[in-house]
């Protein structure tokens, strides 16, 4: 799992060389930073990205760079509401029993 603090440190110390891009899994961009580090453009871009990382909420960072983990952080209240909605769909005949069981198991796994 990538952390926002580590990304900020990578960006601050090695941003001009694409260190933060390697850390965040954006290898293509990281190589571009390395190829053009002598121009100073990556330094400027890294400074802008450092500011963006500093003001970015933790939830947005997780959603963007830790996609699967962000989905798993549903609250119990969200899952309970989703289960209720799912039950209503089943009771109204909109989804089949198989669909209901499959989606119910998936929601219960997230709790």
PDB file of N, CA and C in Angstrom:
ATOM      1  N   UNK A   1       0.842  -1.180   0.000  1.00  0.00           N
ATOM      2  CA  UNK A   1       0.000   0.000   0.000  1.00  0.00           C
ATOM      3  C   UNK A   1       0.888   1.245   0.000  1.00  0.00           C
ATOM      4  N   UNK A   2       0.578   2.125  -0.897  1.00  0.00           N
ATOM      5  CA  UNK A   2       1.328   3.374  -0.993  1.00  0.00           C
ATOM      6  C   UNK A   2       0.761   4.375   0.011  1.00  0.00           C
ATOM      7  N   UNK A   3       1.649   5.166   0.622  1.00  0.00           N
ATOM      8  CA  UNK A   3       1.192   6.168   1.574  1.00  0.00           C
ATOM      9  C   UNK A   3       1.434   7.557   1.016  1.00  0.00           C
ATOM     10  N   UNK A   4       0.586   8.463   1.429  1.00  0.00           N
ATOM     11  CA  UNK A   4       0.685   9.843   0.964  1.00  0.00           C
ATOM     12  C   UNK A   4       1.971  10.487   1.463  1.00  0.00           C
ATOM     13  N   UNK A   5       2.348  10.211   2.697  1.00  0.00           N
ATOM     14  CA  UNK A   5       3.567  10.796   3.270  1.00  0.00           C
ATOM     15  C   UNK A   5       4.803  10.368   2.488  1.00  0.00           C
ATOM     16  N   UNK A   6       4.880   9.088   2.153  1.00  0.00           N
ATOM     17  CA  UNK A   6       6.029   8.600   1.392  1.00  0.00           C
ATOM     18  C   UNK A   6       6.059   9.234   0.004  1.00  0.00           C
ATOM     19  N   UNK A   7       4.910   9.378  -0.621  1.00  0.00           N
ATOM     20  CA  UNK A   7       4.844  10.000  -1.947  1.00  0.00           C
ATOM     21  C   UNK A   7       5.333  11.446  -1.878  1.00  0.00           C
ATOM     22  N   UNK A   8       4.947  12.149  -0.828  1.00  0.00           N
ATOM     23  CA  UNK A   8       5.386  13.539  -0.662  1.00  0.00           C
ATOM     24  C   UNK A   8       6.904  13.603  -0.489  1.00  0.00           C
ATOM     25  N   UNK A   9       7.460  12.706   0.313  1.00  0.00           N
ATOM     26  CA  UNK A   9       8.910  12.696   0.521  1.00  0.00           C
ATOM     27  C   UNK A   9       9.661  12.354  -0.766  1.00  0.00           C
ATOM     28  N   UNK A  10       9.185  11.351  -1.497  1.00  0.00           N
ATOM     29  CA  UNK A  10       9.792  11.007  -2.780  1.00  0.00           C
ATOM     30  C   UNK A  10       9.743  12.204  -3.726  1.00  0.00           C
ATOM     31  N   UNK A  11       8.621  12.880  -3.754  1.00  0.00           N
ATOM     32  CA  UNK A  11       8.452  14.031  -4.639  1.00  0.00           C
ATOM     33  C   UNK A  11       9.391  15.171  -4.249  1.00  0.00           C
ATOM     34  N   UNK A  12       9.529  15.401  -2.954  1.00  0.00           N
ATOM     35  CA  UNK A  12      10.371  16.500  -2.481  1.00  0.00           C
ATOM     36  C   UNK A  12      11.847  16.245  -2.780  1.00  0.00           C
ATOM     37  N   UNK A  13      12.333  15.032  -2.466  1.00  0.00           N
ATOM     38  CA  UNK A  13      13.755  14.755  -2.587  1.00  0.00           C
ATOM     39  C   UNK A  13      14.186  14.297  -3.988  1.00  0.00           C
ATOM     40  N   UNK A  14      13.360  13.515  -4.675  1.00  0.00           N
ATOM     41  CA  UNK A  14      13.755  12.990  -5.979  1.00  0.00           C
ATOM     42  C   UNK A  14      12.729  13.272  -7.074  1.00  0.00           C
ATOM     43  N   UNK A  15      11.918  14.290  -6.880  1.00  0.00           N
ATOM     44  CA  UNK A  15      10.883  14.607  -7.853  1.00  0.00           C
ATOM     45  C   UNK A  15      11.421  14.995  -9.206  1.00  0.00           C
ATOM     46  N   UNK A  16      12.547  15.669  -9.252  1.00  0.00           N
ATOM     47  CA  UNK A  16      13.120  16.098 -10.524  1.00  0.00           C
ATOM     48  C   UNK A  16      13.556  14.916 -11.380  1.00  0.00           C
ATOM     49  N   UNK A  17      13.794  13.774 -10.748  1.00  0.00           N
ATOM     50  CA  UNK A  17      14.216  12.567 -11.461  1.00  0.00           C
ATOM     51  C   UNK A  17      13.079  11.545 -11.586  1.00  0.00           C
ATOM     52  N   UNK A  18      11.879  11.904 -11.135  1.00  0.00           N
ATOM     53  CA  UNK A  18      10.732  11.016 -11.258  1.00  0.00           C
ATOM     54  C   UNK A  18      10.620   9.978 -10.153  1.00  0.00           C
ATOM     55  N   UNK A  19      11.307  10.185  -9.047  1.00  0.00           N
ATOM     56  CA  UNK A  19      11.264   9.219  -7.950  1.00  0.00           C
ATOM     57  C   UNK A  19       9.854   8.957  -7.447  1.00  0.00           C
ATOM     58  N   UNK A  20       9.066  10.006  -7.324  1.00  0.00           N
ATOM     59  CA  UNK A  20       7.694   9.850  -6.843  1.00  0.00           C
ATOM     60  C   UNK A  20       6.836   9.122  -7.864  1.00  0.00           C
ATOM     61  N   UNK A  21       7.133   9.300  -9.139  1.00  0.00           N
ATOM     62  CA  UNK A  21       6.373   8.606 -10.183  1.00  0.00           C
ATOM     63  C   UNK A  21       6.650   7.103 -10.141  1.00  0.00           C
ATOM     64  N   UNK A  22       7.926   6.724  -9.935  1.00  0.00           N
ATOM     65  CA  UNK A  22       8.236   5.308  -9.767  1.00  0.00           C
ATOM     66  C   UNK A  22       7.497   4.750  -8.560  1.00  0.00           C
ATOM     67  N   UNK A  23       7.514   5.492  -7.451  1.00  0.00           N
ATOM     68  CA  UNK A  23       6.840   5.033  -6.231  1.00  0.00           C
ATOM     69  C   UNK A  23       5.340   4.853  -6.443  1.00  0.00           C
ATOM     70  N   UNK A  24       4.723   5.750  -7.188  1.00  0.00           N
ATOM     71  CA  UNK A  24       3.278   5.705  -7.389  1.00  0.00           C
ATOM     72  C   UNK A  24       2.865   4.763  -8.522  1.00  0.00           C
ATOM     73  N   UNK A  25       3.826   4.074  -9.121  1.00  0.00           N
ATOM     74  CA  UNK A  25       3.513   3.093 -10.146  1.00  0.00           C
ATOM     75  C   UNK A  25       3.292   3.681 -11.526  1.00  0.00           C
ATOM     76  N   UNK A  26       3.718   4.890 -11.743  1.00  0.00           N
ATOM     77  CA  UNK A  26       3.570   5.546 -13.045  1.00  0.00           C
ATOM     78  C   UNK A  26       4.921   5.526 -13.762  1.00  0.00           C
ATOM     79  N   UNK A  27       5.327   4.331 -14.177  1.00  0.00           N
ATOM     80  CA  UNK A  27       6.661   4.115 -14.724  1.00  0.00           C
ATOM     81  C   UNK A  27       6.912   4.904 -16.003  1.00  0.00           C
ATOM     82  N   UNK A  28       5.928   4.988 -16.863  1.00  0.00           N
ATOM     83  CA  UNK A  28       6.099   5.740 -18.104  1.00  0.00           C
ATOM     84  C   UNK A  28       6.454   7.195 -17.851  1.00  0.00           C
ATOM     85  N   UNK A  29       5.704   7.813 -16.949  1.00  0.00           N
ATOM     86  CA  UNK A  29       5.999   9.205 -16.595  1.00  0.00           C
ATOM     87  C   UNK A  29       7.355   9.321 -15.913  1.00  0.00           C
ATOM     88  N   UNK A  30       7.701   8.341 -15.089  1.00  0.00           N
ATOM     89  CA  UNK A  30       8.988   8.376 -14.390  1.00  0.00           C
ATOM     90  C   UNK A  30      10.146   8.366 -15.379  1.00  0.00           C
ATOM     91  N   UNK A  31      10.040   7.557 -16.413  1.00  0.00           N
ATOM     92  CA  UNK A  31      11.094   7.507 -17.428  1.00  0.00           C
ATOM     93  C   UNK A  31      11.185   8.831 -18.175  1.00  0.00           C
ATOM     94  N   UNK A  32      10.037   9.439 -18.441  1.00  0.00           N
ATOM     95  CA  UNK A  32      10.053  10.762 -19.092  1.00  0.00           C
ATOM     96  C   UNK A  32      10.759  11.789 -18.208  1.00  0.00           C
ATOM     97  N   UNK A  33      10.507  11.739 -16.909  1.00  0.00           N
ATOM     98  CA  UNK A  33      11.179  12.657 -15.984  1.00  0.00           C
ATOM     99  C   UNK A  33      12.689  12.432 -16.042  1.00  0.00           C
ATOM    100  N   UNK A  34      13.111  11.164 -16.069  1.00  0.00           N
ATOM    101  CA  UNK A  34      14.544  10.872 -16.129  1.00  0.00           C
ATOM    102  C   UNK A  34      15.170  11.376 -17.429  1.00  0.00           C
ATOM    103  N   UNK A  35      14.481  11.171 -18.543  1.00  0.00           N
ATOM    104  CA  UNK A  35      15.022  11.580 -19.830  1.00  0.00           C
ATOM    105  C   UNK A  35      15.180  13.097 -19.954  1.00  0.00           C
ATOM    106  N   UNK A  36      14.271  13.842 -19.323  1.00  0.00           N
ATOM    107  CA  UNK A  36      14.290  15.295 -19.462  1.00  0.00           C
ATOM    108  C   UNK A  36      14.713  16.035 -18.189  1.00  0.00           C
ATOM    109  N   UNK A  37      15.316  15.328 -17.232  1.00  0.00           N
ATOM    110  CA  UNK A  37      15.675  15.975 -15.968  1.00  0.00           C
ATOM    111  C   UNK A  37      16.676  17.112 -16.165  1.00  0.00           C
ATOM    112  N   UNK A  38      17.480  17.052 -17.200  1.00  0.00           N
ATOM    113  CA  UNK A  38      18.478  18.090 -17.452  1.00  0.00           C
ATOM    114  C   UNK A  38      17.855  19.404 -17.899  1.00  0.00           C
ATOM    115  N   UNK A  39      16.575  19.390 -18.327  1.00  0.00           N
ATOM    116  CA  UNK A  39      15.943  20.618 -18.827  1.00  0.00           C
ATOM    117  C   UNK A  39      15.349  21.480 -17.713  1.00  0.00           C
ATOM    118  N   UNK A  40      15.091  20.878 -16.589  1.00  0.00           N
ATOM    119  CA  UNK A  40      14.461  21.627 -15.498  1.00  0.00           C
ATOM    120  C   UNK A  40      12.944  21.541 -15.508  1.00  0.00           C
ATOM    121  N   UNK A  41      12.380  21.076 -16.593  1.00  0.00           N
ATOM    122  CA  UNK A  41      10.919  20.958 -16.683  1.00  0.00           C
ATOM    123  C   UNK A  41      10.379  19.969 -15.653  1.00  0.00           C
ATOM    124  N   UNK A  42      11.006  18.793 -15.491  1.00  0.00           N
ATOM    125  CA  UNK A  42      10.511  17.876 -14.463  1.00  0.00           C
ATOM    126  C   UNK A  42      10.596  18.451 -13.043  1.00  0.00           C
ATOM    127  N   UNK A  43      11.570  19.302 -12.787  1.00  0.00           N
ATOM    128  CA  UNK A  43      11.670  19.942 -11.470  1.00  0.00           C
ATOM    129  C   UNK A  43      10.459  20.824 -11.206  1.00  0.00           C
ATOM    130  N   UNK A  44      10.091  21.589 -12.215  1.00  0.00           N
ATOM    131  CA  UNK A  44       8.924  22.455 -12.092  1.00  0.00           C
ATOM    132  C   UNK A  44       7.650  21.622 -11.924  1.00  0.00           C
ATOM    133  N   UNK A  45       7.512  20.563 -12.736  1.00  0.00           N
ATOM    134  CA  UNK A  45       6.336  19.694 -12.647  1.00  0.00           C
ATOM    135  C   UNK A  45       6.271  19.007 -11.287  1.00  0.00           C
ATOM    136  N   UNK A  46       7.423  18.573 -10.773  1.00  0.00           N
ATOM    137  CA  UNK A  46       7.458  17.912  -9.469  1.00  0.00           C
ATOM    138  C   UNK A  46       7.061  18.880  -8.357  1.00  0.00           C
ATOM    139  N   UNK A  47       7.450  20.142  -8.487  1.00  0.00           N
ATOM    140  CA  UNK A  47       7.058  21.140  -7.492  1.00  0.00           C
ATOM    141  C   UNK A  47       5.537  21.315  -7.477  1.00  0.00           C
ATOM    142  N   UNK A  48       4.940  21.380  -8.658  1.00  0.00           N
ATOM    143  CA  UNK A  48       3.477  21.493  -8.755  1.00  0.00           C
ATOM    144  C   UNK A  48       2.814  20.244  -8.168  1.00  0.00           C
ATOM    145  N   UNK A  49       3.359  19.066  -8.506  1.00  0.00           N
ATOM    146  CA  UNK A  49       2.795  17.819  -7.979  1.00  0.00           C
ATOM    147  C   UNK A  49       2.960  17.713  -6.474  1.00  0.00           C
ATOM    148  N   UNK A  50       4.049  18.267  -5.945  1.00  0.00           N
ATOM    149  CA  UNK A  50       4.244  18.282  -4.492  1.00  0.00           C
ATOM    150  C   UNK A  50       3.132  19.080  -3.821  1.00  0.00           C
ATOM    151  N   UNK A  51       2.805  20.215  -4.365  1.00  0.00           N
ATOM    152  CA  UNK A  51       1.719  21.032  -3.812  1.00  0.00           C
ATOM    153  C   UNK A  51       0.392  20.283  -3.907  1.00  0.00           C
ATOM    154  N   UNK A  52       0.158  19.627  -5.054  1.00  0.00           N
ATOM    155  CA  UNK A  52      -1.079  18.864  -5.223  1.00  0.00           C
ATOM    156  C   UNK A  52      -1.159  17.747  -4.193  1.00  0.00           C
ATOM    157  N   UNK A  53      -0.052  17.030  -3.982  1.00  0.00           N
ATOM    158  CA  UNK A  53      -0.039  15.948  -2.989  1.00  0.00           C
ATOM    159  C   UNK A  53      -0.271  16.476  -1.577  1.00  0.00           C
ATOM    160  N   UNK A  54       0.286  17.649  -1.285  1.00  0.00           N
ATOM    161  CA  UNK A  54       0.121  18.217   0.059  1.00  0.00           C
ATOM    162  C   UNK A  54      -1.326  18.576   0.367  1.00  0.00           C
ATOM    163  N   UNK A  55      -2.065  19.057  -0.620  1.00  0.00           N
ATOM    164  CA  UNK A  55      -3.433  19.493  -0.368  1.00  0.00           C
ATOM    165  C   UNK A  55      -4.471  18.400  -0.677  1.00  0.00           C
ATOM    166  N   UNK A  56      -4.043  17.296  -1.290  1.00  0.00           N
ATOM    167  CA  UNK A  56      -4.957  16.218  -1.650  1.00  0.00           C
ATOM    168  C   UNK A  56      -5.438  15.481  -0.399  1.00  0.00           C
ATOM    169  N   UNK A  57      -6.747  15.307  -0.231  1.00  0.00           N
ATOM    170  CA  UNK A  57      -7.243  14.538   0.909  1.00  0.00           C
ATOM    171  C   UNK A  57      -6.783  13.076   0.828  1.00  0.00           C
ATOM    172  N   UNK A  58      -6.626  12.473   1.978  1.00  0.00           N
ATOM    173  CA  UNK A  58      -6.165  11.082   2.059  1.00  0.00           C
ATOM    174  C   UNK A  58      -7.072  10.138   1.272  1.00  0.00           C
ATOM    175  N   UNK A  59      -8.380  10.386   1.325  1.00  0.00           N
ATOM    176  CA  UNK A  59      -9.323   9.517   0.611  1.00  0.00           C
ATOM    177  C   UNK A  59      -9.116   9.596  -0.900  1.00  0.00           C
ATOM    178  N   UNK A  60      -8.861  10.797  -1.417  1.00  0.00           N
ATOM    179  CA  UNK A  60      -8.600  10.950  -2.847  1.00  0.00           C
ATOM    180  C   UNK A  60      -7.300  10.258  -3.246  1.00  0.00           C
ATOM    181  N   UNK A  61      -6.279  10.382  -2.391  1.00  0.00           N
ATOM    182  CA  UNK A  61      -5.005   9.712  -2.662  1.00  0.00           C
ATOM    183  C   UNK A  61      -5.207   8.203  -2.734  1.00  0.00           C
ATOM    184  N   UNK A  62      -5.934   7.651  -1.763  1.00  0.00           N
ATOM    185  CA  UNK A  62      -6.170   6.205  -1.754  1.00  0.00           C
ATOM    186  C   UNK A  62      -6.979   5.767  -2.962  1.00  0.00           C
ATOM    187  N   UNK A  63      -7.972   6.536  -3.331  1.00  0.00           N
ATOM    188  CA  UNK A  63      -8.793   6.187  -4.482  1.00  0.00           C
ATOM    189  C   UNK A  63      -7.955   6.198  -5.761  1.00  0.00           C
ATOM    190  N   UNK A  64      -7.058   7.143  -5.870  1.00  0.00           N
ATOM    191  CA  UNK A  64      -6.276   7.290  -7.095  1.00  0.00           C
ATOM    192  C   UNK A  64      -5.106   6.316  -7.185  1.00  0.00           C
ATOM    193  N   UNK A  65      -4.399   6.112  -6.068  1.00  0.00           N
ATOM    194  CA  UNK A  65      -3.174   5.320  -6.110  1.00  0.00           C
ATOM    195  C   UNK A  65      -3.280   3.971  -5.402  1.00  0.00           C
ATOM    196  N   UNK A  66      -4.315   3.751  -4.629  1.00  0.00           N
ATOM    197  CA  UNK A  66      -4.551   2.470  -3.950  1.00  0.00           C
ATOM    198  C   UNK A  66      -5.969   2.017  -4.249  1.00  0.00           C
ATOM    199  N   UNK A  67      -6.337   1.952  -5.501  1.00  0.00           N
ATOM    200  CA  UNK A  67      -7.710   1.723  -5.941  1.00  0.00           C
ATOM    201  C   UNK A  67      -8.474   0.662  -5.201  1.00  0.00           C
ATOM    202  N   UNK A  68      -7.958  -0.551  -5.079  1.00  0.00           N
ATOM    203  CA  UNK A  68      -8.690  -1.647  -4.444  1.00  0.00           C
ATOM    204  C   UNK A  68      -8.880  -1.390  -2.957  1.00  0.00           C
ATOM    205  N   UNK A  69      -7.917  -0.764  -2.323  1.00  0.00           N
ATOM    206  CA  UNK A  69      -8.014  -0.510  -0.889  1.00  0.00           C
ATOM    207  C   UNK A  69      -9.084   0.533  -0.604  1.00  0.00           C
ATOM    208  N   UNK A  70      -9.191   1.525  -1.460  1.00  0.00           N
ATOM    209  CA  UNK A  70     -10.195   2.565  -1.257  1.00  0.00           C
ATOM    210  C   UNK A  70     -11.601   1.987  -1.323  1.00  0.00           C
ATOM    211  N   UNK A  71     -11.815   1.002  -2.193  1.00  0.00           N
ATOM    212  CA  UNK A  71     -13.132   0.394  -2.289  1.00  0.00           C
ATOM    213  C   UNK A  71     -13.470  -0.407  -1.041  1.00  0.00           C
ATOM    214  N   UNK A  72     -12.462  -0.960  -0.387  1.00  0.00           N
ATOM    215  CA  UNK A  72     -12.697  -1.812   0.766  1.00  0.00           C
ATOM    216  C   UNK A  72     -12.935  -1.018   2.045  1.00  0.00           C
ATOM    217  N   UNK A  73     -12.875   0.305   1.989  1.00  0.00           N
ATOM    218  CA  UNK A  73     -13.022   1.103   3.195  1.00  0.00           C
ATOM    219  C   UNK A  73     -14.447   1.617   3.383  1.00  0.00           C
ATOM    220  N   UNK A  74     -15.402   0.925   2.826  1.00  0.00           N
ATOM    221  CA  UNK A  74     -16.797   1.280   3.047  1.00  0.00           C
ATOM    222  C   UNK A  74     -17.107   1.199   4.519  1.00  0.00           C
ATOM    223  N   UNK A  75     -17.960   2.052   4.992  1.00  0.00           N
ATOM    224  CA  UNK A  75     -18.383   1.950   6.379  1.00  0.00           C
ATOM    225  C   UNK A  75     -19.478   0.901   6.482  1.00  0.00           C
ATOM    226  N   UNK A  76     -19.714   0.439   7.685  1.00  0.00           N
ATOM    227  CA  UNK A  76     -20.757  -0.556   7.925  1.00  0.00           C
ATOM    228  C   UNK A  76     -22.115   0.027   7.568  1.00  0.00           C
ATOM    229  N   UNK A  77     -22.303   1.299   7.829  1.00  0.00           N
ATOM    230  CA  UNK A  77     -23.573   1.953   7.513  1.00  0.00           C
ATOM    231  C   UNK A  77     -23.834   1.924   6.006  1.00  0.00           C
ATOM    232  N   UNK A  78     -22.797   2.173   5.182  1.00  0.00           N
ATOM    233  CA  UNK A  78     -22.952   2.118   3.732  1.00  0.00           C
ATOM    234  C   UNK A  78     -23.327   0.709   3.277  1.00  0.00           C
ATOM    235  N   UNK A  79     -22.669  -0.285   3.851  1.00  0.00           N
ATOM    236  CA  UNK A  79     -22.956  -1.668   3.482  1.00  0.00           C
ATOM    237  C   UNK A  79     -24.350  -2.078   3.907  1.00  0.00           C
ATOM    238  N   UNK A  80     -24.775  -1.635   5.080  1.00  0.00           N
ATOM    239  CA  UNK A  80     -26.115  -1.956   5.556  1.00  0.00           C
ATOM    240  C   UNK A  80     -27.171  -1.335   4.652  1.00  0.00           C
ATOM    241  N   UNK A  81     -26.969  -0.107   4.255  1.00  0.00           N
ATOM    242  CA  UNK A  81     -27.902   0.562   3.350  1.00  0.00           C
ATOM    243  C   UNK A  81     -27.934  -0.146   1.996  1.00  0.00           C
ATOM    244  N   UNK A  82     -26.766  -0.556   1.509  1.00  0.00           N
ATOM    245  CA  UNK A  82     -26.706  -1.254   0.226  1.00  0.00           C
ATOM    246  C   UNK A  82     -27.404  -2.607   0.308  1.00  0.00           C
ATOM    247  N   UNK A  83     -27.262  -3.291   1.451  1.00  0.00           N
ATOM    248  CA  UNK A  83     -27.961  -4.566   1.632  1.00  0.00           C
ATOM    249  C   UNK A  83     -29.474  -4.368   1.624  1.00  0.00           C
ATOM    250  N   UNK A  84     -29.938  -3.301   2.260  1.00  0.00           N
ATOM    251  CA  UNK A  84     -31.368  -3.001   2.269  1.00  0.00           C
ATOM    252  C   UNK A  84     -31.892  -2.714   0.870  1.00  0.00           C
ATOM    253  N   UNK A  85     -31.126  -1.941   0.110  1.00  0.00           N
ATOM    254  CA  UNK A  85     -31.511  -1.645  -1.273  1.00  0.00           C
ATOM    255  C   UNK A  85     -31.529  -2.919  -2.114  1.00  0.00           C
ATOM    256  N   UNK A  86     -30.539  -3.764  -1.902  1.00  0.00           N
ATOM    257  CA  UNK A  86     -30.467  -5.022  -2.637  1.00  0.00           C
ATOM    258  C   UNK A  86     -31.667  -5.911  -2.331  1.00  0.00           C
ATOM    259  N   UNK A  87     -32.056  -5.974  -1.053  1.00  0.00           N
ATOM    260  CA  UNK A  87     -33.211  -6.784  -0.649  1.00  0.00           C
ATOM    261  C   UNK A  87     -34.487  -6.254  -1.307  1.00  0.00           C
ATOM    262  N   UNK A  88     -34.631  -4.943  -1.361  1.00  0.00           N
ATOM    263  CA  UNK A  88     -35.804  -4.348  -2.007  1.00  0.00           C
ATOM    264  C   UNK A  88     -35.865  -4.700  -3.495  1.00  0.00           C
ATOM    265  N   UNK A  89     -34.713  -4.679  -4.153  1.00  0.00           N
ATOM    266  CA  UNK A  89     -34.675  -5.056  -5.565  1.00  0.00           C
ATOM    267  C   UNK A  89     -35.097  -6.511  -5.759  1.00  0.00           C
ATOM    268  N   UNK A  90     -34.651  -7.370  -4.859  1.00  0.00           N
ATOM    269  CA  UNK A  90     -35.023  -8.787  -4.934  1.00  0.00           C
ATOM    270  C   UNK A  90     -36.513  -8.971  -4.658  1.00  0.00           C
ATOM    271  N   UNK A  91     -37.010  -8.295  -3.624  1.00  0.00           N
ATOM    272  CA  UNK A  91     -38.434  -8.411  -3.279  1.00  0.00           C
ATOM    273  C   UNK A  91     -39.331  -7.888  -4.398  1.00  0.00           C
ATOM    274  N   UNK A  92     -38.883  -6.866  -5.110  1.00  0.00           N
ATOM    275  CA  UNK A  92     -39.671  -6.300  -6.208  1.00  0.00           C
ATOM    276  C   UNK A  92     -39.543  -7.118  -7.493  1.00  0.00           C
ATOM    277  N   UNK A  93     -38.676  -8.132  -7.484  1.00  0.00           N
ATOM    278  CA  UNK A  93     -38.512  -8.992  -8.649  1.00  0.00           C
ATOM    279  C   UNK A  93     -37.621  -8.423  -9.728  1.00  0.00           C
ATOM    280  N   UNK A  94     -36.847  -7.416  -9.402  1.00  0.00           N
ATOM    281  CA  UNK A  94     -35.982  -6.784 -10.399  1.00  0.00           C
ATOM    282  C   UNK A  94     -34.725  -7.625 -10.641  1.00  0.00           C
ATOM    283  N   UNK A  95     -34.217  -8.269  -9.580  1.00  0.00           N
ATOM    284  CA  UNK A  95     -33.054  -9.146  -9.738  1.00  0.00           C
ATOM    285  C   UNK A  95     -33.443 -10.561  -9.337  1.00  0.00           C
ATOM    286  N   UNK A  96     -32.711 -11.533  -9.852  1.00  0.00           N
ATOM    287  CA  UNK A  96     -32.994 -12.938  -9.560  1.00  0.00           C
ATOM    288  C   UNK A  96     -32.378 -13.329  -8.218  1.00  0.00           C
ATOM    289  N   UNK A  97     -32.742 -14.501  -7.747  1.00  0.00           N
ATOM    290  CA  UNK A  97     -32.209 -15.008  -6.482  1.00  0.00           C
ATOM    291  C   UNK A  97     -30.700 -15.209  -6.567  1.00  0.00           C
ATOM    292  N   UNK A  98     -30.209 -15.654  -7.723  1.00  0.00           N
ATOM    293  CA  UNK A  98     -28.767 -15.860  -7.894  1.00  0.00           C
ATOM    294  C   UNK A  98     -28.018 -14.532  -7.838  1.00  0.00           C
ATOM    295  N   UNK A  99     -28.557 -13.528  -8.520  1.00  0.00           N
ATOM    296  CA  UNK A  99     -27.929 -12.208  -8.489  1.00  0.00           C
ATOM    297  C   UNK A  99     -27.930 -11.643  -7.073  1.00  0.00           C
ATOM    298  N   UNK A 100     -29.056 -11.839  -6.388  1.00  0.00           N
ATOM    299  CA  UNK A 100     -29.173 -11.353  -5.014  1.00  0.00           C
ATOM    300  C   UNK A 100     -28.112 -11.981  -4.126  1.00  0.00           C
ATOM    301  N   UNK A 101     -27.964 -13.308  -4.191  1.00  0.00           N
ATOM    302  CA  UNK A 101     -26.989 -14.000  -3.339  1.00  0.00           C
ATOM    303  C   UNK A 101     -25.556 -13.586  -3.675  1.00  0.00           C
ATOM    304  N   UNK A 102     -25.261 -13.455  -4.951  1.00  0.00           N
ATOM    305  CA  UNK A 102     -23.914 -13.067  -5.368  1.00  0.00           C
ATOM    306  C   UNK A 102     -23.553 -11.680  -4.846  1.00  0.00           C
ATOM    307  N   UNK A 103     -24.451 -10.724  -5.032  1.00  0.00           N
ATOM    308  CA  UNK A 103     -24.195  -9.346  -4.595  1.00  0.00           C
ATOM    309  C   UNK A 103     -24.208  -9.235  -3.066  1.00  0.00           C
ATOM    310  N   UNK A 104     -25.055 -10.017  -2.419  1.00  0.00           N
ATOM    311  CA  UNK A 104     -25.108 -10.000  -0.960  1.00  0.00           C
ATOM    312  C   UNK A 104     -23.794 -10.497  -0.375  1.00  0.00           C
ATOM    313  N   UNK A 105     -23.259 -11.591  -0.934  1.00  0.00           N
ATOM    314  CA  UNK A 105     -21.978 -12.123  -0.446  1.00  0.00           C
ATOM    315  C   UNK A 105     -20.860 -11.120  -0.645  1.00  0.00           C
ATOM    316  N   UNK A 106     -20.874 -10.432  -1.782  1.00  0.00           N
ATOM    317  CA  UNK A 106     -19.843  -9.432  -2.057  1.00  0.00           C
ATOM    318  C   UNK A 106     -19.917  -8.279  -1.058  1.00  0.00           C
ATOM    319  N   UNK A 107     -21.139  -7.819  -0.763  1.00  0.00           N
ATOM    320  CA  UNK A 107     -21.303  -6.740   0.209  1.00  0.00           C
ATOM    321  C   UNK A 107     -20.898  -7.169   1.610  1.00  0.00           C
ATOM    322  N   UNK A 108     -21.263  -8.395   1.985  1.00  0.00           N
ATOM    323  CA  UNK A 108     -20.910  -8.874   3.322  1.00  0.00           C
ATOM    324  C   UNK A 108     -19.417  -9.055   3.477  1.00  0.00           C
ATOM    325  N   UNK A 109     -18.726  -9.357   2.393  1.00  0.00           N
ATOM    326  CA  UNK A 109     -17.268  -9.507   2.447  1.00  0.00           C
ATOM    327  C   UNK A 109     -16.589  -8.167   2.731  1.00  0.00           C
ATOM    328  N   UNK A 110     -17.226  -7.063   2.312  1.00  0.00           N
ATOM    329  CA  UNK A 110     -16.658  -5.732   2.513  1.00  0.00           C
ATOM    330  C   UNK A 110     -16.799  -5.222   3.934  1.00  0.00           C
ATOM    331  N   UNK A 111     -17.665  -5.830   4.714  1.00  0.00           N
ATOM    332  CA  UNK A 111     -17.896  -5.340   6.079  1.00  0.00           C
ATOM    333  C   UNK A 111     -16.767  -5.760   6.987  1.00  0.00           C
TER     334      UNK A 111
END
